[in-house]
Protein backbone atom coordinates (compact mmCIF):
# COMPACT_ATOMS: atom_id res chain seq x y z
CA GLY A 1 88.57 114.13 77.87
CA GLY A 2 87.86 110.42 77.96
CA GLN A 3 87.81 107.19 79.95
CA ILE A 4 90.50 104.53 80.00
CA VAL A 5 89.63 101.08 81.32
CA LEU A 6 92.82 99.32 82.40
CA VAL A 7 92.84 95.52 82.50
CA ASP A 8 95.79 94.21 84.53
CA THR A 9 96.40 90.69 83.23
CA PRO A 10 98.22 87.86 85.00
CA GLY A 11 101.88 87.46 84.11
CA VAL A 12 102.55 85.65 80.85
CA HIS A 13 104.82 82.67 81.53
CA ARG A 14 105.64 79.11 80.53
CA PRO A 15 102.98 77.20 82.51
CA ARG A 16 103.86 74.28 84.78
CA THR A 17 100.40 73.75 86.30
CA LEU A 18 96.74 73.82 85.32
CA LEU A 19 96.51 77.24 86.96
CA GLY A 20 99.37 78.49 84.80
CA GLU A 21 97.64 77.25 81.65
CA ARG A 22 94.38 78.93 82.67
CA LEU A 23 96.13 82.21 83.50
CA ASN A 24 97.83 82.28 80.10
CA ALA A 25 94.49 81.52 78.44
CA LEU A 26 92.95 84.44 80.36
CA VAL A 27 95.69 86.74 79.06
CA ALA A 28 95.10 85.62 75.45
CA GLU A 29 91.35 86.14 75.87
CA THR A 30 91.96 89.62 77.30
CA TRP A 31 94.28 90.60 74.47
CA SER A 32 91.58 89.68 71.94
CA ASP A 33 89.14 92.13 73.59
CA VAL A 34 91.27 95.25 74.14
CA ASP A 35 92.03 98.25 71.93
CA VAL A 36 95.65 98.75 73.03
CA VAL A 37 98.25 96.54 74.70
CA VAL A 38 100.74 98.16 77.08
CA MET A 39 103.95 96.37 78.07
CA CYS A 40 106.06 97.69 80.95
CA PHE A 41 109.84 97.48 81.14
CA PRO A 42 111.70 98.56 84.33
CA ALA A 43 114.26 101.19 83.32
CA ASP A 44 116.68 99.94 85.99
CA GLU A 45 116.80 96.38 84.62
CA ALA A 46 118.16 94.93 81.40
CA ILE A 47 115.69 93.25 79.05
CA GLY A 48 115.51 89.60 80.08
CA ALA A 49 114.26 86.30 78.72
CA GLY A 50 110.83 86.88 80.28
CA ASP A 51 110.47 90.25 78.54
CA ARG A 52 111.46 88.69 75.25
CA PHE A 53 108.95 85.86 75.72
CA ILE A 54 106.08 88.30 76.33
CA ALA A 55 107.11 90.55 73.44
CA THR A 56 107.21 87.49 71.16
CA GLU A 57 103.62 86.74 72.16
CA LEU A 58 102.68 90.36 71.37
CA ALA A 59 104.26 90.05 67.93
CA ALA A 60 101.51 87.56 67.08
CA LEU A 61 98.90 90.33 67.52
CA PRO A 62 99.51 92.37 64.36
CA ARG A 63 96.33 94.48 64.47
CA ILE A 64 96.50 95.71 68.07
CA PRO A 65 98.52 98.88 68.77
CA LYS A 66 101.34 98.23 71.23
CA VAL A 67 102.76 100.80 73.65
CA ALA A 68 105.96 100.23 75.62
CA VAL A 69 106.24 101.95 79.00
CA LEU A 70 109.64 102.35 80.59
CA THR A 71 109.03 102.52 84.34
CA LYS A 72 111.15 103.61 87.33
CA THR A 73 113.08 106.27 85.45
CA ASP A 74 113.70 108.05 88.77
CA VAL A 75 115.75 105.06 89.92
CA ALA A 76 117.56 104.32 86.66
CA GLY A 77 118.97 107.75 85.80
CA LYS A 78 119.24 109.38 82.37
CA GLN A 79 121.98 107.23 80.86
CA ALA A 80 120.43 103.88 81.79
CA THR A 81 117.00 105.13 80.70
CA GLY A 82 118.38 106.11 77.31
CA GLU A 83 120.02 102.71 76.87
CA ARG A 84 116.80 100.91 77.80
CA LEU A 85 114.74 103.03 75.39
CA LEU A 86 117.01 101.97 72.55
CA ALA A 87 116.92 98.32 73.67
CA VAL A 88 113.11 98.30 73.78
CA GLN A 89 112.90 99.83 70.32
CA GLU A 90 115.34 97.25 68.97
CA LEU A 91 113.40 94.40 70.60
CA GLY A 92 110.26 95.34 68.67
CA ALA A 93 112.18 95.65 65.41
CA GLU A 94 113.85 92.29 65.98
CA LEU A 95 110.46 90.63 66.46
CA GLY A 96 108.94 92.29 63.41
CA PHE A 97 106.73 95.02 64.86
CA GLU A 98 106.98 98.69 65.76
CA TRP A 99 105.82 100.17 69.06
CA GLU A 100 103.20 102.89 68.57
CA HIS A 101 104.94 104.79 71.38
CA ILE A 102 107.69 104.20 73.92
CA VAL A 103 106.99 106.33 76.99
CA PRO A 104 109.44 106.64 79.92
CA VAL A 105 107.65 107.39 83.21
CA SER A 106 108.18 107.62 86.94
CA ALA A 107 105.05 106.83 88.93
CA VAL A 108 106.76 107.89 92.16
CA GLU A 109 107.55 111.36 90.84
CA GLY A 110 104.54 111.58 88.51
CA ASP A 111 106.86 112.23 85.59
CA GLN A 112 105.12 111.83 82.20
CA VAL A 113 102.18 109.88 83.66
CA ASP A 114 99.78 112.46 82.20
CA LEU A 115 101.58 112.13 78.85
CA LEU A 116 101.04 108.36 78.96
CA ALA A 117 97.32 108.88 79.61
CA ASP A 118 97.12 111.23 76.61
CA VAL A 119 98.96 108.72 74.42
CA LEU A 120 96.54 105.94 75.36
CA LEU A 121 93.44 108.10 74.93
CA ALA A 122 94.57 109.04 71.43
CA LEU A 123 94.71 105.35 70.50
CA LEU A 124 91.25 104.48 71.82
CA PRO A 125 88.08 104.53 69.69
CA GLU A 126 85.38 107.09 70.40
CA GLY A 127 82.34 105.87 72.29
CA PRO A 128 80.27 106.32 75.45
CA PRO A 129 81.88 105.76 78.86
CA LEU A 130 81.71 102.15 80.01
CA TYR A 131 81.62 103.04 83.72
CA PRO A 132 80.17 105.96 85.73
CA PRO A 133 82.58 108.86 86.41
CA GLY A 134 84.74 108.30 89.47
CA THR A 135 84.65 104.50 89.29
CA ALA A 136 88.03 103.16 90.43
CA THR A 137 87.43 99.43 89.97
CA ASP A 138 84.72 96.87 89.24
CA GLU A 139 86.29 94.27 91.52
CA PRO A 140 84.26 93.21 94.59
CA GLU A 141 85.73 94.44 97.87
CA LEU A 142 86.55 90.94 99.12
CA VAL A 143 88.53 90.24 95.94
CA LEU A 144 90.50 93.46 96.37
CA VAL A 145 91.27 92.60 99.99
CA ALA A 146 92.50 89.12 99.00
CA GLU A 147 94.66 90.58 96.23
CA LEU A 148 96.24 93.14 98.56
CA VAL A 149 97.03 90.47 101.14
CA ARG A 150 98.47 88.14 98.48
CA GLU A 151 100.63 90.94 97.08
CA ALA A 152 101.99 91.71 100.54
CA ALA A 153 102.63 88.03 101.30
CA LEU A 154 104.44 87.57 97.97
CA GLU A 155 106.67 90.61 98.43
CA GLY A 156 109.53 88.74 100.07
CA VAL A 157 109.09 85.35 98.37
CA ARG A 158 108.02 86.22 94.83
CA ASP A 159 110.87 84.36 93.11
CA GLU A 160 110.17 81.17 95.07
CA LEU A 161 106.34 81.15 94.97
CA PRO A 162 105.14 83.12 91.94
CA HIS A 163 101.91 81.17 91.37
CA SER A 164 101.86 78.79 94.34
CA MET A 165 99.95 81.02 96.71
CA ALA A 166 96.25 81.78 97.03
CA VAL A 167 94.48 83.98 99.57
CA VAL A 168 90.89 83.56 100.73
CA VAL A 169 89.09 86.06 102.96
CA ASP A 170 87.33 83.93 105.57
CA GLU A 171 85.61 86.81 107.34
CA MET A 172 85.44 90.59 107.16
CA GLN A 173 83.12 92.60 109.41
CA LEU A 174 83.04 95.59 111.73
CA ARG A 175 83.72 94.67 115.34
CA GLU A 176 80.69 94.99 117.55
CA GLY A 177 80.69 97.27 120.58
CA ARG A 178 83.15 99.80 119.16
CA PRO A 179 82.53 103.57 119.51
CA ALA A 180 80.89 105.07 116.42
CA ASP A 181 83.84 107.42 115.91
CA ARG A 182 86.42 104.60 116.25
CA PRO A 183 85.25 101.66 114.13
CA LEU A 184 87.51 98.63 113.71
CA LEU A 185 87.28 96.21 110.81
CA ASP A 186 88.20 92.60 111.55
CA VAL A 187 89.67 90.78 108.56
CA TYR A 188 90.60 87.09 108.72
CA CYS A 189 92.47 85.59 105.77
CA VAL A 190 93.93 82.19 104.93
CA VAL A 191 97.04 81.96 102.77
CA TYR A 192 97.12 78.63 100.92
CA VAL A 193 100.31 77.05 99.60
CA GLU A 194 100.98 73.63 98.05
CA ARG A 195 103.74 72.19 100.28
CA GLU A 196 104.96 72.31 103.86
CA SER A 197 108.28 73.73 102.64
CA GLN A 198 106.40 76.64 101.06
CA LYS A 199 104.51 77.21 104.30
CA ALA A 200 107.81 77.62 106.11
CA ILE A 201 108.98 80.15 103.51
CA VAL A 202 105.80 82.24 103.80
CA ILE A 203 105.92 82.26 107.58
CA GLY A 204 109.66 82.91 107.80
CA ARG A 205 112.03 82.60 110.72
CA GLN A 206 110.05 83.08 113.94
CA GLY A 207 107.14 84.35 111.82
CA SER A 208 109.10 87.35 110.52
CA VAL A 209 107.98 87.15 106.87
CA LEU A 210 104.30 86.66 107.69
CA LYS A 211 104.42 89.40 110.32
CA GLN A 212 105.86 91.87 107.80
CA ALA A 213 103.27 90.84 105.20
CA GLY A 214 100.50 91.44 107.73
CA SER A 215 101.86 94.86 108.62
CA ASP A 216 102.18 95.90 104.97
CA ALA A 217 98.73 94.55 104.05
CA ARG A 218 97.11 96.23 107.07
CA ALA A 219 98.44 99.63 106.00
CA GLU A 220 97.21 99.10 102.43
CA LEU A 221 93.78 97.94 103.61
CA ARG A 222 93.37 100.93 105.90
CA SER A 223 94.23 103.24 103.02
CA MET A 224 91.80 101.48 100.66
CA LEU A 225 88.91 100.99 103.09
CA GLY A 226 89.31 104.19 105.11
CA GLU A 227 89.01 102.38 108.46
CA ARG A 228 91.31 100.92 111.10
CA VAL A 229 91.89 97.25 110.37
CA HIS A 230 92.65 94.26 112.57
CA LEU A 231 94.14 91.64 110.23
CA GLU A 232 94.85 88.02 111.08
CA LEU A 233 96.62 85.66 108.66
CA TRP A 234 96.88 81.87 108.73
CA VAL A 235 98.98 79.77 106.37
CA LYS A 236 97.61 76.37 105.35
CA VAL A 237 98.80 73.66 102.99
CA ARG A 238 96.46 72.40 100.28
CA GLU A 239 98.50 70.04 98.15
CA HIS A 240 98.50 70.39 94.38
CA TRP A 241 95.70 72.98 94.38
CA ALA A 242 97.17 74.67 91.30
CA ASP A 243 96.65 71.45 89.29
CA SER A 244 93.12 70.68 90.49
CA GLU A 245 90.04 72.00 88.73
CA ARG A 246 88.00 71.52 91.89
CA GLU A 247 90.50 73.31 94.14
CA LEU A 248 90.87 76.23 91.71
CA GLN A 249 87.12 76.77 91.82
CA ARG A 250 87.04 76.42 95.62
CA LEU A 251 89.79 79.04 95.98
CA GLY A 252 87.96 81.50 93.73
CA PHE A 253 89.95 81.19 90.48
CA GLU A 254 87.27 81.67 87.83
CA VAL A 255 89.57 80.83 84.95
């Protein structure tokens, strides 16, 4: 009955680098253009300082409807979910605003995901569709590939390198000489970090962390692209790239 365009913003945080400042500015710009803001809270985790910081930022947007989504209810269980629902409601009241809705969901089990879609549609203004039916994303394929690889590489080191990693796709093409019914896509990516110590973290003991990241990313890429993928990853150090305007542009951060 309608079309929802979801804009997944960078994480709101206290910036320590030029990149961090630009990412926060991008979030603020996005918030000024949307019709509804959705904030997710994991049902299996207590509300933390980061959640409170983001909610405080949302409190400064009085005219935009705000929806809280309680995720991972399949992991948390009924009692913990109930406690988190109350805590989320109280957080809004404490900061001087009321959530339009608080919706508990489980993406894994598909529980109440359709309800969430209905809730969001009801809050959106009427108008023509912004994209053709069936459009999944407006991101270029190379950007999606880089994001998937970065997500996989961050999986085991997220707390240590939240914004200190960039991924660039050096090359992506079908391998020549393959049978028509068995194509193979070669993807070569470079993972950039800021220090040698970070490079060691990303690679891991005897390459274990990077090897797992490559395996996870390869599976995701095959699912997304519909073809068998040969993925090669290199980790390189580019010092202080997150604080350099020139390096941010070179690494594809249009912020």
